[in-house]
Protein backbone atom coordinates (compact mmCIF):
# COMPACT_ATOMS: atom_id res chain seq x y z
CA MET A 1 -0.18 -0.11 -0.14
CA ARG A 2 1.61 3.18 -0.94
CA LEU A 3 2.19 6.18 1.62
CA PRO A 4 -0.65 8.65 0.11
CA GLU A 5 -3.27 5.68 0.16
CA LEU A 6 -1.97 4.99 4.02
CA VAL A 7 -2.30 8.54 4.93
CA LEU A 8 -6.00 8.53 3.62
CA LEU A 9 -6.79 5.40 5.22
CA ALA A 10 -5.49 6.79 8.79
CA LEU A 11 -7.79 9.87 8.41
CA LEU A 12 -10.83 7.55 7.92
CA ALA A 13 -9.97 5.29 10.63
CA VAL A 14 -9.16 8.14 13.04
CA CYS A 15 -12.48 9.99 12.30
CA SER A 16 -14.48 6.87 12.13
CA LEU A 17 -12.97 6.34 15.60
CA TYR A 18 -14.32 9.88 16.75
CA HIS A 19 -17.60 9.64 15.29
CA LEU A 20 -17.44 6.11 17.27
CA ALA A 21 -16.67 7.69 20.65
CA ALA A 22 -19.32 10.55 20.30
CA LEU A 23 -21.83 7.74 19.69
CA LEU A 24 -20.91 5.72 22.73
CA ALA A 25 -20.98 9.06 24.84
CA ALA A 26 -24.30 9.84 23.65
CA LEU A 27 -25.78 6.21 24.56
CA GLY A 28 -23.92 6.06 27.61
CA ARG A 29 -26.15 5.72 30.97
CA ALA A 30 -27.18 8.52 32.71
CA ARG A 31 -26.34 9.06 36.21
CA PRO A 32 -29.16 8.07 38.19
CA ARG A 33 -31.61 10.55 40.09
CA PRO A 34 -32.04 10.70 43.79
CA GLY A 35 -34.71 8.39 44.69
CA ARG A 36 -38.33 9.66 45.71
CA ASN A 37 -37.12 9.68 49.62
CA ALA A 38 -33.68 11.27 48.84
CA ARG A 39 -33.75 15.22 50.21
CA PRO A 40 -33.17 16.96 46.90
CA PHE A 41 -30.29 19.39 47.02
CA THR A 42 -32.28 22.86 46.58
CA PRO A 43 -30.24 25.72 48.11
CA PRO A 44 -31.30 29.09 47.35
CA VAL A 45 -30.10 30.47 43.56
CA SER A 46 -29.52 34.03 42.10
CA VAL A 47 -29.78 33.65 38.35
CA LEU A 48 -27.72 36.49 36.41
CA LYS A 49 -28.84 37.38 33.19
CA PRO A 50 -26.87 40.09 31.02
CA VAL A 51 -29.15 41.39 28.16
CA ARG A 52 -28.72 43.61 25.07
CA GLY A 53 -31.86 43.93 23.02
CA LEU A 54 -34.69 41.63 22.39
CA ASP A 55 -33.77 38.69 21.00
CA PRO A 56 -36.27 36.07 18.83
CA ASP A 57 -38.80 34.93 21.88
CA PHE A 58 -37.16 37.04 24.12
CA TYR A 59 -40.23 37.47 26.68
CA ALA A 60 -40.91 33.19 26.85
CA ALA A 61 -37.01 32.86 27.27
CA ILE A 62 -37.10 34.95 30.43
CA ARG A 63 -40.50 33.80 31.33
CA SER A 64 -39.00 30.01 31.32
CA HIS A 65 -37.11 31.25 34.12
CA ALA A 66 -39.33 33.09 36.09
CA ALA A 67 -41.82 29.84 36.11
CA GLN A 68 -39.31 27.71 37.33
CA ASP A 69 -40.27 24.35 39.94
CA TYR A 70 -37.67 25.68 42.67
CA PRO A 71 -38.15 26.60 46.14
CA GLU A 72 -36.18 29.78 46.26
CA PHE A 73 -34.36 31.62 43.93
CA GLU A 74 -33.98 35.47 42.17
CA LEU A 75 -34.13 36.23 38.51
CA LEU A 76 -31.52 39.82 37.69
CA PHE A 77 -30.81 41.20 34.62
CA ALA A 78 -28.36 44.12 33.75
CA VAL A 79 -28.42 46.22 30.67
CA ARG A 80 -25.83 48.83 29.42
CA ASP A 81 -28.68 51.21 28.26
CA PRO A 82 -31.14 52.63 30.20
CA ALA A 83 -33.95 52.43 27.00
CA ASP A 84 -33.06 49.32 25.86
CA PRO A 85 -36.15 47.55 24.72
CA ALA A 86 -35.51 44.71 27.10
CA VAL A 87 -36.25 46.78 29.92
CA GLY A 88 -39.79 46.50 29.41
CA ALA A 89 -40.14 43.09 28.70
CA ILE A 90 -38.35 42.70 32.08
CA ARG A 91 -40.66 45.25 33.96
CA ARG A 92 -43.85 43.28 32.47
CA LEU A 93 -42.19 39.69 33.98
CA ALA A 94 -42.01 41.38 37.38
CA ALA A 95 -45.26 42.41 37.33
CA GLU A 96 -46.20 38.88 36.41
CA PHE A 97 -44.50 37.43 38.87
CA PRO A 98 -44.74 39.60 42.03
CA GLN A 99 -44.21 36.77 44.71
CA ARG A 100 -40.39 36.52 43.31
CA ARG A 101 -37.50 38.98 43.03
CA ILE A 102 -37.05 39.74 39.57
CA ASP A 103 -35.16 43.19 38.76
CA VAL A 104 -33.03 44.98 36.21
CA PHE A 105 -29.64 46.89 36.64
CA PHE A 106 -27.92 49.25 34.89
CA THR A 107 -23.94 48.55 34.13
CA SER A 108 -22.05 51.89 33.97
CA ARG A 109 -18.39 50.63 34.71
CA ASP A 110 -16.20 48.62 32.41
CA TYR A 111 -13.75 46.54 33.65
CA GLY A 112 -12.60 44.90 29.75
CA ALA A 113 -14.10 44.88 26.24
CA ASN A 114 -16.04 41.88 27.43
CA ALA A 115 -19.78 43.69 27.41
CA LYS A 116 -21.26 40.64 28.71
CA VAL A 117 -18.59 40.26 31.60
CA ASN A 118 -19.06 43.89 32.83
CA SER A 119 -22.71 43.43 33.16
CA LEU A 120 -22.21 39.85 35.31
CA GLU A 121 -19.60 41.97 37.72
CA ARG A 122 -22.70 44.67 37.96
CA LEU A 123 -24.79 41.56 38.96
CA ARG A 124 -22.41 40.13 41.39
CA ALA A 125 -22.70 42.96 43.47
CA GLU A 126 -26.43 42.77 43.86
CA CYS A 127 -27.25 39.17 44.01
CA ARG A 128 -28.03 37.78 47.60
CA TYR A 129 -27.38 33.93 47.46
CA ASP A 130 -24.70 31.88 47.43
CA ILE A 131 -25.11 29.80 44.14
CA LEU A 132 -24.96 31.54 41.05
CA VAL A 133 -26.79 30.44 37.71
CA ILE A 134 -25.42 32.25 34.63
CA ASN A 135 -26.62 31.95 31.11
CA ASP A 136 -27.38 33.84 27.88
CA SER A 137 -30.50 35.87 27.22
CA ASP A 138 -32.05 33.69 25.07
CA ILE A 139 -32.08 30.62 26.50
CA LEU A 140 -35.73 28.57 26.79
CA ALA A 141 -35.47 26.42 29.71
CA GLY A 142 -37.57 23.53 31.24
CA PRO A 143 -39.58 24.05 34.66
CA ASP A 144 -36.88 21.83 36.16
CA TYR A 145 -34.06 23.62 35.02
CA LEU A 146 -32.72 24.98 38.40
CA ARG A 147 -33.00 21.53 39.97
CA ARG A 148 -31.23 19.89 37.72
CA VAL A 149 -28.28 22.04 36.77
CA VAL A 150 -27.75 23.15 40.98
CA ALA A 151 -28.24 19.36 42.07
CA PRO A 152 -24.12 18.58 41.12
CA LEU A 153 -22.98 21.35 43.03
CA GLU A 154 -23.82 19.29 46.07
CA LYS A 155 -20.62 17.45 45.72
CA LYS A 156 -17.47 19.84 47.10
CA GLU A 157 -15.39 18.48 44.11
CA THR A 158 -17.82 19.92 41.65
CA GLY A 159 -16.89 23.79 41.09
CA LEU A 160 -19.24 24.44 37.88
CA VAL A 161 -21.99 23.01 36.11
CA THR A 162 -22.74 23.36 32.39
CA CYS A 163 -25.21 22.04 30.15
CA LEU A 164 -25.83 20.42 26.60
CA TYR A 165 -27.90 22.97 24.54
CA ARG A 166 -29.87 22.89 20.92
CA GLY A 167 -30.25 25.29 18.48
CA VAL A 168 -33.69 26.64 17.22
CA PRO A 169 -33.68 27.91 13.79
CA ALA A 170 -35.45 31.05 13.37
CA GLY A 171 -35.46 30.87 9.19
CA GLY A 172 -33.31 30.69 6.71
CA LEU A 173 -30.73 27.99 5.56
CA ALA A 174 -27.76 29.53 7.20
CA SER A 175 -29.54 29.15 10.73
CA VAL A 176 -30.66 25.79 9.81
CA LEU A 177 -27.01 24.80 9.05
CA GLU A 178 -25.80 26.29 12.24
CA GLY A 179 -28.39 24.58 14.22
CA LEU A 180 -27.38 21.39 12.76
CA TRP A 181 -23.92 21.84 13.54
CA ILE A 182 -24.55 22.91 16.93
CA SER A 183 -26.62 19.70 17.55
CA THR A 184 -24.47 17.16 15.48
CA ASP A 185 -21.00 18.51 15.41
CA PHE A 186 -20.56 20.89 18.37
CA GLN A 187 -22.01 19.23 21.33
CA PRO A 188 -21.09 15.39 20.18
CA GLY A 189 -17.52 17.43 20.71
CA VAL A 190 -18.38 18.29 23.94
CA LEU A 191 -19.76 14.90 24.90
CA VAL A 192 -16.20 13.45 24.22
CA ALA A 193 -14.39 16.11 25.55
CA ARG A 194 -16.71 15.12 29.12
CA ALA A 195 -15.41 11.66 28.51
CA LEU A 196 -11.71 12.77 28.46
CA GLY A 197 -12.08 15.54 31.22
CA MET A 198 -14.15 18.64 30.87
CA ARG A 199 -11.98 21.49 31.28
CA PHE A 200 -14.19 24.54 29.67
CA ALA A 201 -17.85 25.63 30.26
CA LEU A 202 -20.65 26.55 27.68
CA GLY A 203 -22.23 29.88 28.16
CA ALA A 204 -26.00 28.04 27.72
CA THR A 205 -25.16 27.34 31.57
CA MET A 206 -22.57 27.99 34.17
CA ALA A 207 -23.49 27.20 37.57
CA LEU A 208 -21.08 27.73 40.49
CA ARG A 209 -20.89 28.41 43.94
CA ARG A 210 -20.01 32.32 44.67
CA ALA A 211 -17.54 31.77 47.11
CA ASP A 212 -15.33 29.88 44.65
CA LEU A 213 -16.25 32.95 42.18
CA GLU A 214 -15.00 35.00 44.77
CA GLN A 215 -11.67 33.11 44.99
CA ILE A 216 -10.43 33.76 41.41
CA GLY A 217 -11.41 37.46 41.85
CA GLY A 218 -15.12 37.63 40.56
CA PHE A 219 -16.02 38.39 36.83
CA ALA A 220 -13.56 40.98 36.54
CA PRO A 221 -10.70 39.33 35.50
CA LEU A 222 -12.44 37.66 32.57
CA ALA A 223 -13.38 40.87 31.27
CA ASP A 224 -11.02 41.37 28.57
CA TYR A 225 -11.50 37.96 27.14
CA LEU A 226 -13.95 37.15 24.46
CA ALA A 227 -14.56 33.19 25.60
CA ASP A 228 -15.50 34.11 29.19
CA ASP A 229 -17.40 31.02 29.48
CA TYR A 230 -14.05 29.25 28.46
CA GLN A 231 -11.95 31.14 30.74
CA LEU A 232 -14.26 30.70 33.65
CA GLY A 233 -14.23 26.81 33.20
CA LYS A 234 -10.38 27.40 32.93
CA ALA A 235 -9.94 29.34 36.01
CA ILE A 236 -12.36 26.48 38.16
CA THR A 237 -11.04 23.67 37.24
CA ALA A 238 -7.03 25.21 37.69
CA ARG A 239 -8.36 25.60 41.36
CA GLY A 240 -8.62 21.88 41.30
CA PHE A 241 -12.53 21.29 40.95
CA ASP A 242 -14.42 19.57 38.31
CA ILE A 243 -16.67 20.73 35.91
CA ALA A 244 -19.98 18.89 35.42
CA LEU A 245 -22.21 18.20 32.61
CA SER A 246 -25.66 18.56 33.66
CA ASP A 247 -28.55 16.00 32.35
CA CYS A 248 -30.39 19.24 31.23
CA VAL A 249 -30.81 20.34 27.74
CA VAL A 250 -31.74 23.58 27.11
CA GLU A 251 -32.60 25.50 23.51
CA THR A 252 -31.18 29.04 22.03
CA MET A 253 -32.87 30.97 19.29
CA LEU A 254 -30.75 31.16 16.14
CA PRO A 255 -31.96 34.35 14.42
CA ARG A 256 -32.65 34.82 10.56
CA GLN A 257 -29.44 36.17 9.42
CA PRO A 258 -27.91 37.19 6.13
CA TRP A 259 -25.13 34.76 4.87
CA ALA A 260 -22.63 37.21 5.69
CA GLU A 261 -23.59 38.20 9.14
CA ASN A 262 -24.09 34.29 9.71
CA TRP A 263 -20.27 33.92 8.40
CA ARG A 264 -18.93 36.97 10.52
CA HIS A 265 -20.50 35.21 13.85
CA ARG A 266 -19.18 32.07 12.98
CA LEU A 267 -15.77 32.95 12.35
CA ARG A 268 -15.75 35.02 15.41
CA TRP A 269 -16.38 31.76 17.19
CA GLY A 270 -13.60 29.68 15.35
CA ARG A 271 -10.63 32.31 15.69
CA THR A 272 -11.66 32.50 19.30
CA LEU A 273 -11.64 29.05 19.79
CA ARG A 274 -8.15 28.61 17.85
CA VAL A 275 -6.43 31.05 19.79
CA CYS A 276 -7.93 29.97 22.97
CA ARG A 277 -7.07 26.12 22.33
CA PRO A 278 -4.67 25.94 19.30
CA ALA A 279 -4.04 22.51 19.87
CA GLY A 280 -7.30 21.35 20.19
CA TYR A 281 -8.32 23.34 17.24
CA ALA A 282 -6.38 21.93 14.86
CA GLY A 283 -7.16 18.56 15.96
CA MET A 284 -11.20 19.26 14.84
CA ALA A 285 -9.51 18.55 11.18
CA ILE A 286 -10.27 14.64 11.85
CA THR A 287 -14.06 15.58 13.23
CA PHE A 288 -15.32 16.77 9.56
CA ALA A 289 -16.52 13.25 7.96
CA VAL A 290 -17.58 14.65 4.80
CA PRO A 291 -15.05 16.58 3.56
CA ILE A 292 -12.44 13.23 4.44
CA VAL A 293 -14.70 11.19 2.77
CA ILE A 294 -15.24 13.36 -0.32
CA ALA A 295 -11.02 13.68 -0.63
CA ALA A 296 -10.63 9.65 0.12
CA VAL A 297 -12.59 8.64 -2.18
CA ALA A 298 -11.70 11.22 -4.87
CA LEU A 299 -7.96 10.50 -4.42
CA GLN A 300 -8.41 6.98 -3.66
CA PRO A 301 -11.71 5.13 -4.99
CA SER A 302 -10.61 1.60 -3.49
CA LEU A 303 -11.06 3.31 -0.05
CA TRP A 304 -15.05 3.39 -0.62
CA PRO A 305 -15.71 0.70 2.06
CA GLU A 306 -13.70 2.50 4.60
CA ALA A 307 -15.17 5.49 3.49
CA MET A 308 -19.18 4.39 3.88
CA LEU A 309 -18.38 3.10 7.27
CA CYS A 310 -16.93 6.52 8.34
CA LEU A 311 -19.95 7.84 6.86
CA GLY A 312 -21.94 5.60 8.62
CA LEU A 313 -20.72 6.32 12.12
CA ARG A 314 -21.02 10.06 11.17
CA ALA A 315 -24.77 9.46 10.62
CA ALA A 316 -25.11 7.17 13.96
CA ALA A 317 -23.51 9.76 15.98
CA ALA A 318 -25.61 12.59 14.80
CA ILE A 319 -28.64 10.48 15.34
CA ALA A 320 -27.66 9.74 18.92
CA VAL A 321 -26.62 13.09 19.67
CA GLY A 322 -28.99 15.04 17.84
CA CYS A 323 -32.31 13.16 17.77
CA MET A 324 -31.96 10.69 21.08
CA LYS A 325 -29.72 13.15 23.89
CA LEU A 326 -30.89 16.33 22.77
CA ARG A 327 -34.03 16.01 21.24
CA ASP A 328 -33.85 18.10 18.67
CA ARG A 329 -36.76 17.89 16.02
CA ALA A 330 -34.60 20.15 13.44
CA VAL A 331 -32.24 17.57 13.07
CA VAL A 332 -34.87 14.66 12.30
CA ARG A 333 -36.58 17.60 9.65
CA TYR A 334 -33.23 18.47 7.97
CA PHE A 335 -31.38 15.03 8.32
CA LEU A 336 -30.47 15.33 4.67
CA LEU A 337 -28.91 18.55 4.76
CA ILE A 338 -26.03 17.46 7.65
CA PRO A 339 -23.55 17.02 4.64
CA LEU A 340 -23.94 20.27 3.43
CA ALA A 341 -23.70 21.60 7.06
CA ASP A 342 -20.59 19.42 7.48
CA LEU A 343 -18.94 21.52 4.63
CA ALA A 344 -20.18 24.65 5.78
CA SER A 345 -18.35 23.93 9.07
CA PHE A 346 -15.37 22.62 7.63
CA ALA A 347 -15.05 25.90 5.58
CA VAL A 348 -15.42 28.01 8.96
CA TRP A 349 -12.70 25.89 10.74
CA ALA A 350 -10.41 26.26 7.80
CA ALA A 351 -11.09 30.15 7.67
CA SER A 352 -10.25 30.32 11.36
CA LEU A 353 -7.20 29.04 10.90
CA PHE A 354 -5.84 32.26 9.77
CA GLY A 355 -6.16 36.04 10.84
CA ARG A 356 -6.86 37.08 14.36
CA ARG A 357 -9.62 40.22 13.61
CA VAL A 358 -13.24 39.35 15.07
CA VAL A 359 -16.20 41.58 14.86
CA TRP A 360 -18.16 41.44 17.96
CA ARG A 361 -21.56 43.84 18.53
CA SER A 362 -20.74 45.99 15.27
CA GLN A 363 -17.14 46.71 16.67
CA SER A 364 -14.01 45.29 15.97
CA PHE A 365 -11.13 43.28 17.75
CA ARG A 366 -8.12 41.52 17.39
CA LEU A 367 -7.50 38.27 19.32
CA GLN A 368 -4.57 38.66 21.30
CA ARG A 369 -2.58 35.30 23.06
CA GLY A 370 -4.78 33.17 24.78
CA GLY A 371 -8.03 34.83 23.87
CA ARG A 372 -7.84 38.55 24.91
CA LEU A 373 -9.68 41.14 23.26
CA ALA A 374 -7.60 44.71 22.04
CA LYS A 375 -9.68 47.07 20.14
CA GLU A 376 -8.94 48.14 16.52
CA SER A 377 -8.45 51.33 15.74
CA SER A 378 -10.87 53.11 13.36
């Protein structure tokens, strides 16, 4: 067997093993929940939500937090601009749930370029409770969300809890392909990372003890980083704690976007991950089954049996994670578009290998080593 054929065969084999690992991780037995007679771990919780503008279905998302089946919690929001249209929706929510502390605060001090972190630091001064749950403004949660994300913190060795999420496309092919990427590409990678030892968190949910946060200086040290969720996970694990992946799955809304805007958004994510974890990002090359299979069969047609096995494992992992684990109906509906989603994700990955400029909230930044943000001069 010639060297080029060996290289292609090795690529197919490694890619197949990766998707097999994702498949097994998705099918693995969930940790048993406490029995009926077990005393639930439900300490009071402060839910912190930085907000800017009205995301699609914003009121439904924040209402899903106010309507939690949980004994005691408060729901705190932070915005930069008092004229932000989200403020009216938050006031409406507070009026609908007068028995709950629901309040909005205005961010006036900057600790760094990350506006979300500046808002979180503002909220840290206002929260009353020792358990903090942080998530994005567009997250839609089930009624048992707080119970399930807080429960792992009962173990002293757990320093942070995060959870999987599925994307809900608001319309347009770009958001559909991004949703497929989240559920059948990115989340399988999270499950594999958990099996290997998770050292990062996902912005869809981060739950931790206030005392542990204060040991790392609060949120302020994260304010110069774009990937604040990654940096928070890194800081918590550096103190010897574990990161737990909750069995809860939440939803995030994917807005209808022009292709150019969606490309910039995904390119920002890719470049940020690359500067934070350069080796890991380069290693993602072996996860792109469709491009690998196309290249292998085009260059060496005799490898078609191995290529079909690789594609089969890719499809099986997508079903196990997207359909069974995440219960993402969009994966079922748009299953035949997964090859196109893979090609789009590969294009984003390849483009993200180069350059450090990102556009975030209409501002241009340059990513520095480790993921720090530096504003580009106009």
